[in-house]
Amino acid sequence: MSEVQDIIRLLQSRRFSLTNEKKLQAEIEVELTAFGIEHEREYRLGAGSIIDFLVKDSIGAEIKLKGSKLNIFRQVERYTGFDEIKRLILVTNVPMGMPPLVNGKPVYVVNLAKAWL
């Protein structure tokens, strides 16, 4: 199983708080640390571009609990434009689709709201 799939499975197996992005970041960081998954929180990609997590030096993870689908897509598009990001996981409770590739890089969507159904 790939690293991305392992991370997705971990995220989908938990019920996280969906009311505050900073609280959710902290909860996800606890899980990543507990499972020994190397990560850096609030990684600066460039001026004005800070992704919530850089995992294993190449997987971006961005948390979005609110915002328009277009704005979320634009943020994903911006982050996948950086060389450091080889794959991106969008962690959200916003029901939305995403092209499988953005800027030629795989993008995965994890909808955390499903854990509460």
N, C-alpha and C. Protein backbone atom coordinates (compact mmCIF):
# COMPACT_ATOMS: atom_id res chain seq x y z
N MET A 1 0.86 -1.18 0.00
CA MET A 1 0.00 0.00 0.00
C MET A 1 0.90 1.24 0.00
N SER A 2 0.48 2.26 -0.71
CA SER A 2 1.30 3.46 -0.82
C SER A 2 1.20 4.31 0.45
N GLU A 3 2.18 5.18 0.62
CA GLU A 3 2.18 6.08 1.78
C GLU A 3 0.92 6.93 1.80
N VAL A 4 0.52 7.43 0.64
CA VAL A 4 -0.69 8.27 0.57
C VAL A 4 -1.90 7.47 1.03
N GLN A 5 -2.04 6.25 0.55
CA GLN A 5 -3.18 5.42 0.93
C GLN A 5 -3.16 5.11 2.43
N ASP A 6 -1.98 4.91 2.99
CA ASP A 6 -1.87 4.67 4.44
C ASP A 6 -2.35 5.89 5.22
N ILE A 7 -1.97 7.07 4.78
CA ILE A 7 -2.39 8.31 5.45
C ILE A 7 -3.90 8.50 5.31
N ILE A 8 -4.42 8.27 4.12
CA ILE A 8 -5.86 8.40 3.88
C ILE A 8 -6.63 7.43 4.77
N ARG A 9 -6.18 6.20 4.84
CA ARG A 9 -6.84 5.20 5.67
C ARG A 9 -6.83 5.63 7.14
N LEU A 10 -5.71 6.17 7.60
CA LEU A 10 -5.61 6.65 8.98
C LEU A 10 -6.62 7.78 9.22
N LEU A 11 -6.68 8.74 8.31
CA LEU A 11 -7.60 9.86 8.47
C LEU A 11 -9.06 9.42 8.43
N GLN A 12 -9.36 8.46 7.59
CA GLN A 12 -10.75 7.99 7.47
C GLN A 12 -11.18 7.11 8.64
N SER A 13 -10.23 6.62 9.41
CA SER A 13 -10.56 5.70 10.50
C SER A 13 -10.86 6.41 11.82
N ARG A 14 -10.77 7.72 11.83
CA ARG A 14 -10.96 8.49 13.06
C ARG A 14 -12.10 9.49 12.90
N ARG A 15 -12.69 9.86 14.02
CA ARG A 15 -13.65 10.96 14.05
C ARG A 15 -12.93 12.17 14.61
N PHE A 16 -12.75 13.15 13.77
CA PHE A 16 -12.06 14.37 14.16
C PHE A 16 -13.06 15.50 14.38
N SER A 17 -12.64 16.50 15.14
CA SER A 17 -13.42 17.71 15.32
C SER A 17 -13.50 18.44 13.99
N LEU A 18 -14.69 18.88 13.63
CA LEU A 18 -14.88 19.55 12.34
C LEU A 18 -15.35 21.00 12.52
N THR A 19 -15.05 21.59 13.66
CA THR A 19 -15.52 22.95 13.92
C THR A 19 -14.43 24.00 13.79
N ASN A 20 -13.16 23.60 13.90
CA ASN A 20 -12.07 24.56 13.92
C ASN A 20 -10.84 23.94 13.24
N GLU A 21 -10.31 24.63 12.23
CA GLU A 21 -9.19 24.07 11.47
C GLU A 21 -7.94 23.88 12.32
N LYS A 22 -7.65 24.82 13.22
CA LYS A 22 -6.44 24.69 14.06
C LYS A 22 -6.57 23.49 15.00
N LYS A 23 -7.76 23.30 15.56
CA LYS A 23 -7.98 22.14 16.43
C LYS A 23 -7.85 20.85 15.63
N LEU A 24 -8.40 20.84 14.43
CA LEU A 24 -8.30 19.66 13.57
C LEU A 24 -6.84 19.38 13.21
N GLN A 25 -6.08 20.43 12.91
CA GLN A 25 -4.65 20.24 12.63
C GLN A 25 -3.96 19.57 13.81
N ALA A 26 -4.26 20.04 15.01
CA ALA A 26 -3.63 19.47 16.20
C ALA A 26 -4.01 18.00 16.37
N GLU A 27 -5.28 17.67 16.13
CA GLU A 27 -5.73 16.28 16.26
C GLU A 27 -5.05 15.39 15.21
N ILE A 28 -4.94 15.89 14.00
CA ILE A 28 -4.27 15.11 12.95
C ILE A 28 -2.79 14.94 13.27
N GLU A 29 -2.17 15.98 13.79
CA GLU A 29 -0.76 15.88 14.15
C GLU A 29 -0.53 14.81 15.21
N VAL A 30 -1.43 14.72 16.18
CA VAL A 30 -1.32 13.67 17.20
C VAL A 30 -1.33 12.29 16.55
N GLU A 31 -2.23 12.09 15.60
CA GLU A 31 -2.33 10.79 14.92
C GLU A 31 -1.09 10.49 14.08
N LEU A 32 -0.63 11.48 13.32
CA LEU A 32 0.57 11.27 12.50
C LEU A 32 1.76 10.91 13.38
N THR A 33 1.90 11.61 14.50
CA THR A 33 3.00 11.34 15.42
C THR A 33 2.86 9.95 16.04
N ALA A 34 1.65 9.61 16.47
CA ALA A 34 1.42 8.30 17.10
C ALA A 34 1.76 7.15 16.16
N PHE A 35 1.56 7.35 14.88
CA PHE A 35 1.83 6.30 13.91
C PHE A 35 3.22 6.43 13.28
N GLY A 36 4.03 7.34 13.82
CA GLY A 36 5.41 7.48 13.37
C GLY A 36 5.54 8.00 11.95
N ILE A 37 4.57 8.79 11.52
CA ILE A 37 4.60 9.34 10.17
C ILE A 37 5.30 10.69 10.21
N GLU A 38 6.42 10.77 9.52
CA GLU A 38 7.23 11.98 9.48
C GLU A 38 6.44 13.12 8.84
N HIS A 39 6.41 14.27 9.51
CA HIS A 39 5.64 15.40 8.99
C HIS A 39 6.15 16.71 9.56
N GLU A 40 5.80 17.78 8.89
CA GLU A 40 6.08 19.13 9.38
C GLU A 40 4.78 19.92 9.26
N ARG A 41 4.39 20.54 10.35
CA ARG A 41 3.14 21.30 10.37
C ARG A 41 3.38 22.73 9.90
N GLU A 42 2.42 23.28 9.17
CA GLU A 42 2.46 24.64 8.64
C GLU A 42 3.78 24.90 7.92
N TYR A 43 3.98 24.15 6.87
CA TYR A 43 5.21 24.22 6.07
C TYR A 43 5.11 25.36 5.06
N ARG A 44 6.10 26.24 5.08
CA ARG A 44 6.13 27.39 4.17
C ARG A 44 6.66 26.95 2.81
N LEU A 45 5.77 27.00 1.82
CA LEU A 45 6.15 26.67 0.45
C LEU A 45 6.74 27.89 -0.27
N GLY A 46 6.24 29.05 0.08
CA GLY A 46 6.68 30.30 -0.53
C GLY A 46 5.94 31.45 0.13
N ALA A 47 6.18 32.64 -0.36
CA ALA A 47 5.54 33.82 0.22
C ALA A 47 4.02 33.68 0.15
N GLY A 48 3.38 33.72 1.30
CA GLY A 48 1.92 33.63 1.36
C GLY A 48 1.36 32.24 1.11
N SER A 49 2.19 31.24 1.04
CA SER A 49 1.73 29.87 0.79
C SER A 49 2.27 28.93 1.86
N ILE A 50 1.43 28.66 2.84
CA ILE A 50 1.79 27.77 3.94
C ILE A 50 0.79 26.62 3.94
N ILE A 51 1.28 25.43 3.63
CA ILE A 51 0.41 24.25 3.62
C ILE A 51 0.34 23.69 5.03
N ASP A 52 -0.79 23.11 5.39
CA ASP A 52 -0.99 22.65 6.76
C ASP A 52 0.02 21.59 7.18
N PHE A 53 0.31 20.63 6.29
CA PHE A 53 1.30 19.60 6.60
C PHE A 53 2.11 19.27 5.36
N LEU A 54 3.40 19.06 5.56
CA LEU A 54 4.24 18.41 4.56
C LEU A 54 4.61 17.07 5.18
N VAL A 55 4.18 16.00 4.54
CA VAL A 55 4.36 14.66 5.08
C VAL A 55 5.41 13.93 4.24
N LYS A 56 6.38 13.34 4.92
CA LYS A 56 7.43 12.55 4.27
C LYS A 56 8.09 13.32 3.13
N ASP A 57 8.29 14.61 3.33
CA ASP A 57 9.04 15.49 2.43
C ASP A 57 8.43 15.71 1.05
N SER A 58 7.26 15.14 0.76
CA SER A 58 6.73 15.35 -0.60
C SER A 58 5.21 15.30 -0.71
N ILE A 59 4.54 14.92 0.36
CA ILE A 59 3.08 14.82 0.34
C ILE A 59 2.50 16.01 1.09
N GLY A 60 1.76 16.83 0.38
CA GLY A 60 1.10 17.96 1.03
C GLY A 60 -0.25 17.52 1.56
N ALA A 61 -0.62 18.05 2.71
CA ALA A 61 -1.96 17.81 3.26
C ALA A 61 -2.53 19.16 3.66
N GLU A 62 -3.64 19.52 3.05
CA GLU A 62 -4.29 20.80 3.32
C GLU A 62 -5.67 20.55 3.91
N ILE A 63 -5.97 21.24 5.00
CA ILE A 63 -7.24 21.09 5.70
C ILE A 63 -8.13 22.27 5.35
N LYS A 64 -9.35 21.97 4.94
CA LYS A 64 -10.32 23.00 4.61
C LYS A 64 -11.67 22.61 5.18
N LEU A 65 -12.13 23.38 6.17
CA LEU A 65 -13.43 23.12 6.77
C LEU A 65 -14.49 24.10 6.29
N LYS A 66 -14.07 25.13 5.62
CA LYS A 66 -15.03 26.09 5.07
C LYS A 66 -14.41 26.76 3.86
N GLY A 67 -15.22 27.51 3.17
CA GLY A 67 -14.76 28.19 1.97
C GLY A 67 -15.48 27.66 0.75
N SER A 68 -15.46 28.46 -0.29
CA SER A 68 -16.12 28.05 -1.52
C SER A 68 -15.30 26.96 -2.21
N LYS A 69 -15.98 26.14 -2.96
CA LYS A 69 -15.29 25.07 -3.69
C LYS A 69 -14.26 25.65 -4.65
N LEU A 70 -14.59 26.77 -5.28
CA LEU A 70 -13.65 27.40 -6.21
C LEU A 70 -12.40 27.87 -5.48
N ASN A 71 -12.58 28.50 -4.32
CA ASN A 71 -11.41 28.96 -3.56
C ASN A 71 -10.56 27.80 -3.06
N ILE A 72 -11.22 26.73 -2.66
CA ILE A 72 -10.47 25.54 -2.22
C ILE A 72 -9.68 24.98 -3.40
N PHE A 73 -10.31 24.87 -4.57
CA PHE A 73 -9.60 24.37 -5.74
C PHE A 73 -8.41 25.27 -6.08
N ARG A 74 -8.60 26.57 -6.02
CA ARG A 74 -7.49 27.49 -6.34
C ARG A 74 -6.32 27.31 -5.38
N GLN A 75 -6.62 27.05 -4.12
CA GLN A 75 -5.56 26.83 -3.15
C GLN A 75 -4.82 25.52 -3.47
N VAL A 76 -5.56 24.48 -3.79
CA VAL A 76 -4.95 23.20 -4.19
C VAL A 76 -4.08 23.42 -5.43
N GLU A 77 -4.61 24.16 -6.37
CA GLU A 77 -3.87 24.45 -7.61
C GLU A 77 -2.57 25.20 -7.31
N ARG A 78 -2.64 26.17 -6.41
CA ARG A 78 -1.44 26.93 -6.04
C ARG A 78 -0.41 26.03 -5.38
N TYR A 79 -0.85 25.21 -4.43
CA TYR A 79 0.09 24.35 -3.70
C TYR A 79 0.72 23.30 -4.60
N THR A 80 -0.04 22.74 -5.52
CA THR A 80 0.54 21.73 -6.41
C THR A 80 1.50 22.34 -7.42
N GLY A 81 1.54 23.65 -7.49
CA GLY A 81 2.50 24.32 -8.36
C GLY A 81 3.90 24.38 -7.78
N PHE A 82 4.05 24.01 -6.52
CA PHE A 82 5.37 24.04 -5.88
C PHE A 82 6.08 22.70 -6.07
N ASP A 83 7.38 22.77 -6.32
CA ASP A 83 8.18 21.57 -6.56
C ASP A 83 8.16 20.59 -5.38
N GLU A 84 8.09 21.11 -4.15
CA GLU A 84 8.14 20.23 -2.97
C GLU A 84 6.94 19.29 -2.92
N ILE A 85 5.83 19.71 -3.48
CA ILE A 85 4.60 18.91 -3.41
C ILE A 85 4.55 17.97 -4.61
N LYS A 86 4.64 16.69 -4.33
CA LYS A 86 4.55 15.66 -5.39
C LYS A 86 3.15 15.06 -5.46
N ARG A 87 2.47 15.03 -4.30
CA ARG A 87 1.09 14.55 -4.18
C ARG A 87 0.42 15.39 -3.11
N LEU A 88 -0.89 15.56 -3.22
CA LEU A 88 -1.59 16.39 -2.25
C LEU A 88 -2.86 15.70 -1.77
N ILE A 89 -3.08 15.76 -0.46
CA ILE A 89 -4.31 15.24 0.14
C ILE A 89 -5.10 16.44 0.65
N LEU A 90 -6.30 16.62 0.14
CA LEU A 90 -7.21 17.64 0.64
C LEU A 90 -8.07 16.99 1.71
N VAL A 91 -7.97 17.49 2.93
CA VAL A 91 -8.72 16.97 4.07
C VAL A 91 -9.82 17.99 4.35
N THR A 92 -11.08 17.56 4.21
CA THR A 92 -12.17 18.53 4.24
C THR A 92 -13.45 17.92 4.77
N ASN A 93 -14.42 18.78 5.03
CA ASN A 93 -15.79 18.34 5.27
C ASN A 93 -16.71 18.95 4.22
N VAL A 94 -16.12 19.65 3.27
CA VAL A 94 -16.87 20.26 2.17
C VAL A 94 -17.08 19.20 1.09
N PRO A 95 -18.34 18.90 0.76
CA PRO A 95 -18.57 17.89 -0.28
C PRO A 95 -18.18 18.46 -1.65
N MET A 96 -17.13 17.91 -2.22
CA MET A 96 -16.67 18.42 -3.51
C MET A 96 -15.84 17.37 -4.22
N GLY A 97 -15.80 17.49 -5.51
CA GLY A 97 -14.93 16.65 -6.32
C GLY A 97 -13.64 17.39 -6.60
N MET A 98 -12.72 16.67 -7.18
CA MET A 98 -11.42 17.24 -7.52
C MET A 98 -10.87 16.43 -8.69
N PRO A 99 -10.28 17.09 -9.66
CA PRO A 99 -9.65 16.30 -10.73
C PRO A 99 -8.57 15.40 -10.13
N PRO A 100 -8.32 14.24 -10.72
CA PRO A 100 -7.31 13.34 -10.16
C PRO A 100 -5.89 13.92 -10.23
N LEU A 101 -5.66 14.82 -11.18
CA LEU A 101 -4.36 15.49 -11.30
C LEU A 101 -4.58 17.00 -11.35
N VAL A 102 -3.79 17.72 -10.60
CA VAL A 102 -3.77 19.18 -10.66
C VAL A 102 -2.31 19.57 -10.84
N ASN A 103 -2.03 20.33 -11.87
CA ASN A 103 -0.65 20.67 -12.23
C ASN A 103 0.19 19.40 -12.42
N GLY A 104 -0.46 18.35 -12.92
CA GLY A 104 0.23 17.10 -13.20
C GLY A 104 0.54 16.26 -11.97
N LYS A 105 -0.01 16.64 -10.82
CA LYS A 105 0.27 15.92 -9.58
C LYS A 105 -1.01 15.30 -9.03
N PRO A 106 -0.92 14.08 -8.50
CA PRO A 106 -2.11 13.42 -7.96
C PRO A 106 -2.68 14.18 -6.75
N VAL A 107 -4.00 14.32 -6.75
CA VAL A 107 -4.70 14.96 -5.65
C VAL A 107 -5.77 13.99 -5.15
N TYR A 108 -5.84 13.84 -3.83
CA TYR A 108 -6.79 12.94 -3.18
C TYR A 108 -7.66 13.77 -2.24
N VAL A 109 -8.93 13.44 -2.15
CA VAL A 109 -9.85 14.15 -1.26
C VAL A 109 -10.30 13.19 -0.16
N VAL A 110 -10.13 13.62 1.08
CA VAL A 110 -10.62 12.87 2.23
C VAL A 110 -11.71 13.72 2.87
N ASN A 111 -12.95 13.24 2.80
CA ASN A 111 -14.07 13.96 3.40
C ASN A 111 -14.30 13.39 4.80
N LEU A 112 -13.88 14.15 5.80
CA LEU A 112 -13.96 13.69 7.18
C LEU A 112 -15.39 13.62 7.70
N ALA A 113 -16.31 14.32 7.07
CA ALA A 113 -17.70 14.29 7.52
C ALA A 113 -18.29 12.88 7.42
N LYS A 114 -17.78 12.07 6.51
CA LYS A 114 -18.30 10.71 6.33
C LYS A 114 -18.11 9.86 7.59
N ALA A 115 -17.10 10.16 8.38
CA ALA A 115 -16.86 9.39 9.61
C ALA A 115 -17.97 9.60 10.63
N TRP A 116 -18.72 10.68 10.49
CA TRP A 116 -19.79 11.00 11.43
C TRP A 116 -21.14 10.46 10.99
N LEU A 117 -21.20 9.85 9.81
CA LEU A 117 -22.49 9.31 9.32
C LEU A 117 -22.82 7.99 9.98
